[in-house]
N, C-alpha and C. Protein backbone atom coordinates (compact mmCIF):
# COMPACT_ATOMS: atom_id res chain seq x y z
N UNK A 1 75.72 -43.32 -3.80
CA UNK A 1 74.75 -44.34 -3.45
C UNK A 1 75.44 -45.36 -2.57
N UNK A 2 74.72 -45.84 -1.60
CA UNK A 2 75.26 -46.87 -0.72
C UNK A 2 74.96 -48.25 -1.30
N UNK A 3 75.91 -49.15 -1.09
CA UNK A 3 75.78 -50.53 -1.54
C UNK A 3 76.14 -51.46 -0.40
N UNK A 4 75.45 -52.57 -0.32
CA UNK A 4 75.82 -53.65 0.59
C UNK A 4 76.54 -54.70 -0.23
N UNK A 5 77.66 -55.15 0.24
CA UNK A 5 78.37 -56.27 -0.38
C UNK A 5 78.32 -57.39 0.65
N UNK A 6 77.56 -58.44 0.32
CA UNK A 6 77.32 -59.54 1.24
C UNK A 6 78.28 -60.68 0.91
N UNK A 7 78.97 -61.19 1.90
CA UNK A 7 79.98 -62.24 1.70
C UNK A 7 79.42 -63.59 2.12
N UNK A 8 79.37 -64.51 1.17
CA UNK A 8 78.88 -65.86 1.42
C UNK A 8 80.04 -66.86 1.35
N UNK A 9 80.00 -67.84 2.24
CA UNK A 9 80.99 -68.91 2.28
C UNK A 9 80.28 -70.21 2.65
N UNK A 10 80.97 -71.31 2.44
CA UNK A 10 80.53 -72.58 3.02
C UNK A 10 81.02 -72.55 4.46
N UNK A 11 80.09 -72.43 5.40
CA UNK A 11 80.45 -72.20 6.80
C UNK A 11 81.36 -73.28 7.37
N UNK A 12 81.11 -74.53 7.04
CA UNK A 12 81.93 -75.62 7.58
C UNK A 12 83.40 -75.46 7.16
N UNK A 13 83.62 -74.98 5.94
CA UNK A 13 85.00 -74.76 5.49
C UNK A 13 85.65 -73.63 6.28
N UNK A 14 84.94 -72.56 6.51
CA UNK A 14 85.48 -71.42 7.25
C UNK A 14 85.80 -71.83 8.68
N UNK A 15 84.92 -72.58 9.30
CA UNK A 15 85.12 -73.00 10.68
C UNK A 15 86.29 -73.99 10.81
N UNK A 16 86.68 -74.62 9.70
CA UNK A 16 87.78 -75.58 9.72
C UNK A 16 89.15 -74.92 9.52
N UNK A 17 89.17 -73.61 9.20
CA UNK A 17 90.44 -72.94 9.02
C UNK A 17 91.23 -72.95 10.31
N UNK A 18 92.53 -73.08 10.19
CA UNK A 18 93.41 -72.95 11.35
C UNK A 18 93.48 -71.48 11.74
N UNK A 19 93.90 -71.18 12.97
CA UNK A 19 94.08 -69.77 13.33
C UNK A 19 95.03 -69.05 12.38
N UNK A 20 96.05 -69.74 11.89
CA UNK A 20 97.00 -69.11 10.97
C UNK A 20 96.34 -68.81 9.62
N UNK A 21 95.51 -69.74 9.12
CA UNK A 21 94.79 -69.51 7.86
C UNK A 21 93.83 -68.33 8.00
N UNK A 22 93.12 -68.28 9.11
CA UNK A 22 92.18 -67.18 9.35
C UNK A 22 92.93 -65.85 9.46
N UNK A 23 94.04 -65.84 10.18
CA UNK A 23 94.83 -64.62 10.33
C UNK A 23 95.38 -64.17 8.97
N UNK A 24 95.78 -65.12 8.13
CA UNK A 24 96.26 -64.77 6.79
C UNK A 24 95.18 -64.12 5.95
N UNK A 25 93.97 -64.68 6.04
CA UNK A 25 92.84 -64.09 5.32
C UNK A 25 92.58 -62.68 5.82
N UNK A 26 92.57 -62.50 7.14
CA UNK A 26 92.28 -61.19 7.69
C UNK A 26 93.35 -60.17 7.30
N UNK A 27 94.59 -60.62 7.19
CA UNK A 27 95.66 -59.73 6.74
C UNK A 27 95.42 -59.29 5.29
N UNK A 28 95.04 -60.25 4.43
CA UNK A 28 94.74 -59.91 3.03
C UNK A 28 93.52 -58.99 2.94
N UNK A 29 92.51 -59.27 3.76
CA UNK A 29 91.31 -58.42 3.74
C UNK A 29 91.60 -57.02 4.26
N UNK A 30 92.48 -56.90 5.25
CA UNK A 30 92.85 -55.57 5.75
C UNK A 30 93.45 -54.74 4.62
N UNK A 31 94.32 -55.36 3.82
CA UNK A 31 94.90 -54.65 2.67
C UNK A 31 93.82 -54.29 1.65
N UNK A 32 92.88 -55.21 1.42
CA UNK A 32 91.77 -54.92 0.50
C UNK A 32 90.91 -53.78 1.04
N UNK A 33 90.66 -53.78 2.35
CA UNK A 33 89.87 -52.70 2.96
C UNK A 33 90.57 -51.36 2.75
N UNK A 34 91.87 -51.34 2.94
CA UNK A 34 92.62 -50.09 2.73
C UNK A 34 92.50 -49.62 1.29
N UNK A 35 92.58 -50.55 0.34
CA UNK A 35 92.45 -50.19 -1.07
C UNK A 35 91.05 -49.65 -1.37
N UNK A 36 90.01 -50.34 -0.88
CA UNK A 36 88.63 -49.90 -1.11
C UNK A 36 88.39 -48.54 -0.46
N UNK A 37 89.03 -48.31 0.67
CA UNK A 37 88.76 -47.10 1.45
C UNK A 37 89.62 -45.89 1.03
N UNK A 38 90.42 -46.03 0.00
CA UNK A 38 91.26 -44.90 -0.41
C UNK A 38 90.45 -43.64 -0.68
N UNK A 39 89.22 -43.82 -1.14
CA UNK A 39 88.33 -42.68 -1.37
C UNK A 39 87.45 -42.38 -0.16
N UNK A 40 87.70 -43.04 0.96
CA UNK A 40 86.90 -42.80 2.17
C UNK A 40 85.50 -43.34 2.05
N UNK A 41 85.32 -44.43 1.30
CA UNK A 41 83.98 -44.92 1.01
C UNK A 41 83.56 -46.14 1.82
N UNK A 42 84.47 -46.77 2.55
CA UNK A 42 84.12 -47.98 3.28
C UNK A 42 83.37 -47.62 4.55
N UNK A 43 82.19 -48.18 4.70
CA UNK A 43 81.40 -47.96 5.91
C UNK A 43 81.53 -49.16 6.82
N UNK A 44 80.47 -49.51 7.55
CA UNK A 44 80.54 -50.63 8.46
C UNK A 44 80.83 -51.94 7.73
N UNK A 45 81.62 -52.78 8.35
CA UNK A 45 81.88 -54.13 7.88
C UNK A 45 81.76 -55.04 9.09
N UNK A 46 81.26 -56.25 8.88
CA UNK A 46 81.07 -57.15 10.02
C UNK A 46 81.26 -58.59 9.60
N UNK A 47 81.85 -59.36 10.49
CA UNK A 47 81.88 -60.81 10.34
C UNK A 47 80.78 -61.32 11.26
N UNK A 48 79.85 -62.04 10.70
CA UNK A 48 78.73 -62.54 11.48
C UNK A 48 79.12 -63.78 12.25
N UNK A 49 78.45 -64.00 13.37
CA UNK A 49 78.67 -65.20 14.16
C UNK A 49 78.13 -66.42 13.43
N UNK A 50 78.45 -67.59 13.95
CA UNK A 50 78.05 -68.84 13.32
C UNK A 50 76.53 -69.01 13.23
N UNK A 51 76.11 -69.75 12.22
CA UNK A 51 74.67 -69.94 12.01
C UNK A 51 74.04 -70.78 13.13
N UNK A 52 74.84 -71.52 13.89
CA UNK A 52 74.29 -72.31 15.00
C UNK A 52 73.67 -71.40 16.05
N UNK A 53 74.11 -70.14 16.13
CA UNK A 53 73.57 -69.18 17.09
C UNK A 53 72.49 -68.29 16.47
N UNK A 54 72.23 -68.46 15.18
CA UNK A 54 71.25 -67.60 14.49
C UNK A 54 69.83 -68.02 14.85
N UNK A 55 68.94 -67.07 14.78
CA UNK A 55 67.51 -67.31 14.99
C UNK A 55 66.75 -66.61 13.87
N UNK A 56 65.61 -67.18 13.49
CA UNK A 56 64.76 -66.58 12.47
C UNK A 56 63.42 -66.30 13.11
N UNK A 57 62.90 -65.10 12.88
CA UNK A 57 61.56 -64.73 13.35
C UNK A 57 60.66 -64.66 12.14
N UNK A 58 59.58 -65.44 12.16
CA UNK A 58 58.65 -65.43 11.03
C UNK A 58 57.25 -65.78 11.51
N UNK A 59 56.30 -65.50 10.63
CA UNK A 59 54.92 -65.86 10.92
C UNK A 59 54.09 -64.66 11.32
N UNK A 60 52.78 -64.86 11.45
CA UNK A 60 51.85 -63.76 11.76
C UNK A 60 51.95 -63.31 13.22
N UNK A 61 51.36 -62.17 13.50
CA UNK A 61 51.33 -61.65 14.86
C UNK A 61 52.72 -61.38 15.38
N UNK A 62 53.00 -61.86 16.59
CA UNK A 62 54.33 -61.70 17.17
C UNK A 62 55.36 -62.61 16.52
N UNK A 63 54.90 -63.53 15.70
CA UNK A 63 55.81 -64.44 15.02
C UNK A 63 56.30 -65.55 15.92
N UNK A 64 57.03 -66.44 15.32
CA UNK A 64 57.60 -67.57 16.04
C UNK A 64 59.11 -67.54 15.80
N UNK A 65 59.88 -67.76 16.85
CA UNK A 65 61.33 -67.79 16.74
C UNK A 65 61.75 -69.23 16.45
N UNK A 66 62.52 -69.38 15.38
CA UNK A 66 62.99 -70.69 14.94
C UNK A 66 64.51 -70.69 14.98
N UNK A 67 65.10 -71.79 15.41
CA UNK A 67 66.56 -71.88 15.43
C UNK A 67 67.13 -71.79 14.03
N UNK A 68 68.21 -71.04 13.93
CA UNK A 68 69.01 -71.01 12.72
C UNK A 68 68.42 -70.25 11.55
N UNK A 69 69.27 -70.00 10.57
CA UNK A 69 68.78 -69.41 9.33
C UNK A 69 67.98 -70.47 8.59
N UNK A 70 67.08 -70.05 7.74
CA UNK A 70 66.20 -71.01 7.09
C UNK A 70 66.42 -71.11 5.60
N UNK A 71 67.49 -70.56 5.09
CA UNK A 71 67.76 -70.68 3.66
C UNK A 71 68.31 -72.07 3.38
N UNK A 72 67.84 -72.67 2.31
CA UNK A 72 68.34 -73.99 1.90
C UNK A 72 69.48 -73.76 0.91
N UNK A 73 70.65 -73.46 1.43
CA UNK A 73 71.80 -73.19 0.58
C UNK A 73 73.03 -73.90 1.11
N UNK A 74 74.02 -74.06 0.26
CA UNK A 74 75.29 -74.63 0.69
C UNK A 74 76.20 -73.54 1.23
N UNK A 75 75.93 -72.29 0.86
CA UNK A 75 76.73 -71.17 1.32
C UNK A 75 75.88 -70.33 2.28
N UNK A 76 76.54 -69.78 3.28
CA UNK A 76 75.84 -68.98 4.26
C UNK A 76 76.39 -67.56 4.24
N UNK A 77 75.52 -66.61 4.59
CA UNK A 77 75.94 -65.22 4.73
C UNK A 77 76.76 -65.12 6.00
N UNK A 78 78.06 -64.82 5.85
CA UNK A 78 78.95 -64.79 7.01
C UNK A 78 79.50 -63.40 7.29
N UNK A 79 79.22 -62.44 6.44
CA UNK A 79 79.72 -61.09 6.69
C UNK A 79 79.18 -60.12 5.65
N UNK A 80 79.38 -58.83 5.92
CA UNK A 80 78.91 -57.83 4.96
C UNK A 80 79.70 -56.55 5.11
N UNK A 81 79.64 -55.75 4.07
CA UNK A 81 80.24 -54.42 4.02
C UNK A 81 79.17 -53.45 3.58
N UNK A 82 79.30 -52.20 3.99
CA UNK A 82 78.48 -51.12 3.46
C UNK A 82 79.45 -50.11 2.87
N UNK A 83 79.25 -49.78 1.60
CA UNK A 83 80.13 -48.84 0.91
C UNK A 83 79.31 -47.73 0.28
N UNK A 84 79.92 -46.58 0.16
CA UNK A 84 79.32 -45.45 -0.54
C UNK A 84 80.08 -45.32 -1.86
N UNK A 85 79.44 -45.69 -2.95
CA UNK A 85 80.09 -45.70 -4.27
C UNK A 85 79.33 -44.79 -5.23
N UNK A 86 80.04 -44.28 -6.22
CA UNK A 86 79.41 -43.37 -7.18
C UNK A 86 78.43 -44.09 -8.09
N UNK A 87 78.66 -45.37 -8.36
CA UNK A 87 77.76 -46.09 -9.25
C UNK A 87 77.96 -47.60 -9.09
N UNK A 88 77.17 -48.37 -9.87
CA UNK A 88 77.25 -49.83 -9.82
C UNK A 88 78.65 -50.33 -10.15
N UNK A 89 79.28 -49.74 -11.16
CA UNK A 89 80.62 -50.19 -11.57
C UNK A 89 81.62 -50.05 -10.44
N UNK A 90 81.55 -48.96 -9.68
CA UNK A 90 82.47 -48.76 -8.56
C UNK A 90 82.21 -49.79 -7.46
N UNK A 91 80.95 -50.12 -7.22
CA UNK A 91 80.62 -51.14 -6.22
C UNK A 91 81.12 -52.51 -6.65
N UNK A 92 80.99 -52.81 -7.93
CA UNK A 92 81.47 -54.10 -8.45
C UNK A 92 82.99 -54.17 -8.34
N UNK A 93 83.67 -53.08 -8.64
CA UNK A 93 85.14 -53.08 -8.53
C UNK A 93 85.57 -53.26 -7.07
N UNK A 94 84.84 -52.65 -6.14
CA UNK A 94 85.15 -52.84 -4.71
C UNK A 94 84.99 -54.31 -4.33
N UNK A 95 83.92 -54.94 -4.82
CA UNK A 95 83.71 -56.37 -4.53
C UNK A 95 84.82 -57.21 -5.14
N UNK A 96 85.28 -56.83 -6.32
CA UNK A 96 86.40 -57.56 -6.94
C UNK A 96 87.67 -57.44 -6.10
N UNK A 97 87.90 -56.27 -5.54
CA UNK A 97 89.06 -56.08 -4.66
C UNK A 97 88.96 -57.01 -3.46
N UNK A 98 87.79 -57.08 -2.86
CA UNK A 98 87.59 -57.97 -1.71
C UNK A 98 87.77 -59.43 -2.12
N UNK A 99 87.28 -59.79 -3.30
CA UNK A 99 87.36 -61.17 -3.75
C UNK A 99 88.81 -61.58 -4.04
N UNK A 100 89.61 -60.66 -4.53
CA UNK A 100 91.02 -60.99 -4.75
C UNK A 100 91.68 -61.35 -3.42
N UNK A 101 91.26 -60.70 -2.33
CA UNK A 101 91.81 -61.01 -1.01
C UNK A 101 91.22 -62.30 -0.45
N UNK A 102 89.99 -62.60 -0.82
CA UNK A 102 89.28 -63.76 -0.27
C UNK A 102 88.58 -64.50 -1.41
N UNK A 103 89.33 -65.23 -2.22
CA UNK A 103 88.76 -65.84 -3.42
C UNK A 103 87.76 -66.97 -3.16
N UNK A 104 87.64 -67.43 -1.93
CA UNK A 104 86.68 -68.49 -1.62
C UNK A 104 85.28 -67.94 -1.38
N UNK A 105 85.17 -66.63 -1.23
CA UNK A 105 83.87 -66.03 -0.94
C UNK A 105 83.09 -65.77 -2.23
N UNK A 106 81.79 -65.74 -2.09
CA UNK A 106 80.89 -65.28 -3.14
C UNK A 106 80.35 -63.95 -2.65
N UNK A 107 80.42 -62.92 -3.47
CA UNK A 107 79.99 -61.59 -3.05
C UNK A 107 78.74 -61.16 -3.81
N UNK A 108 77.73 -60.80 -3.06
CA UNK A 108 76.48 -60.26 -3.63
C UNK A 108 76.50 -58.76 -3.42
N UNK A 109 76.22 -58.00 -4.47
CA UNK A 109 76.28 -56.55 -4.44
C UNK A 109 74.85 -56.01 -4.60
N UNK A 110 74.40 -55.25 -3.62
CA UNK A 110 73.02 -54.74 -3.67
C UNK A 110 72.97 -53.29 -3.25
N UNK A 111 72.24 -52.46 -4.00
CA UNK A 111 72.04 -51.08 -3.57
C UNK A 111 71.29 -51.06 -2.24
N UNK A 112 71.60 -50.08 -1.42
CA UNK A 112 70.94 -49.91 -0.13
C UNK A 112 70.10 -48.64 -0.20
N UNK A 113 68.86 -48.78 0.14
CA UNK A 113 67.97 -47.62 0.22
C UNK A 113 67.76 -47.33 1.70
N UNK A 114 68.12 -46.14 2.12
CA UNK A 114 67.97 -45.78 3.52
C UNK A 114 66.49 -45.55 3.82
N UNK A 115 66.00 -46.26 4.82
CA UNK A 115 64.61 -46.12 5.23
C UNK A 115 64.58 -45.38 6.56
N UNK A 116 63.88 -44.28 6.59
CA UNK A 116 63.67 -43.52 7.82
C UNK A 116 62.17 -43.48 8.09
N UNK A 117 61.74 -44.03 9.21
CA UNK A 117 60.30 -44.04 9.52
C UNK A 117 59.71 -42.64 9.40
N UNK A 118 58.55 -42.58 8.76
CA UNK A 118 57.86 -41.30 8.59
C UNK A 118 58.22 -40.59 7.30
N UNK A 119 59.25 -41.06 6.60
CA UNK A 119 59.66 -40.46 5.33
C UNK A 119 59.40 -41.45 4.20
N UNK A 120 59.03 -40.91 3.05
CA UNK A 120 58.82 -41.77 1.88
C UNK A 120 60.15 -42.33 1.41
N UNK A 121 60.11 -43.54 0.88
CA UNK A 121 61.32 -44.13 0.31
C UNK A 121 61.70 -43.33 -0.94
N UNK A 122 62.98 -43.11 -1.15
CA UNK A 122 63.39 -42.42 -2.37
C UNK A 122 63.09 -43.26 -3.60
N UNK A 123 62.86 -42.60 -4.72
CA UNK A 123 62.60 -43.31 -5.97
C UNK A 123 63.87 -44.04 -6.40
N UNK A 124 63.72 -45.28 -6.92
CA UNK A 124 64.90 -46.06 -7.34
C UNK A 124 65.59 -45.43 -8.54
């Protein structure tokens, strides 16, 4: 089963990191990625751009484009991973590995259901 592990941070804190602090985090995360991927399960991972460049599309018809994300939170979604894990426990352990490398992040773990237009969604 595929899982999304969403990484949340306080964006202002992340943007205040020095290049050396950021490089240190990326070094720790690279080691965590290697550990998670030992079974060949790590899929796409991405660091998202700043929320100042984000746009939200909402509303009826063609919708209206609004600047920025619209969640009222102190933490923002700043990155994500897609993993193929045998079960929930394996996905949680992968998130724990990532968190040990980046203890300031909050990780949300969610099953991913692949949607293919024209095909019925698989039963949960």
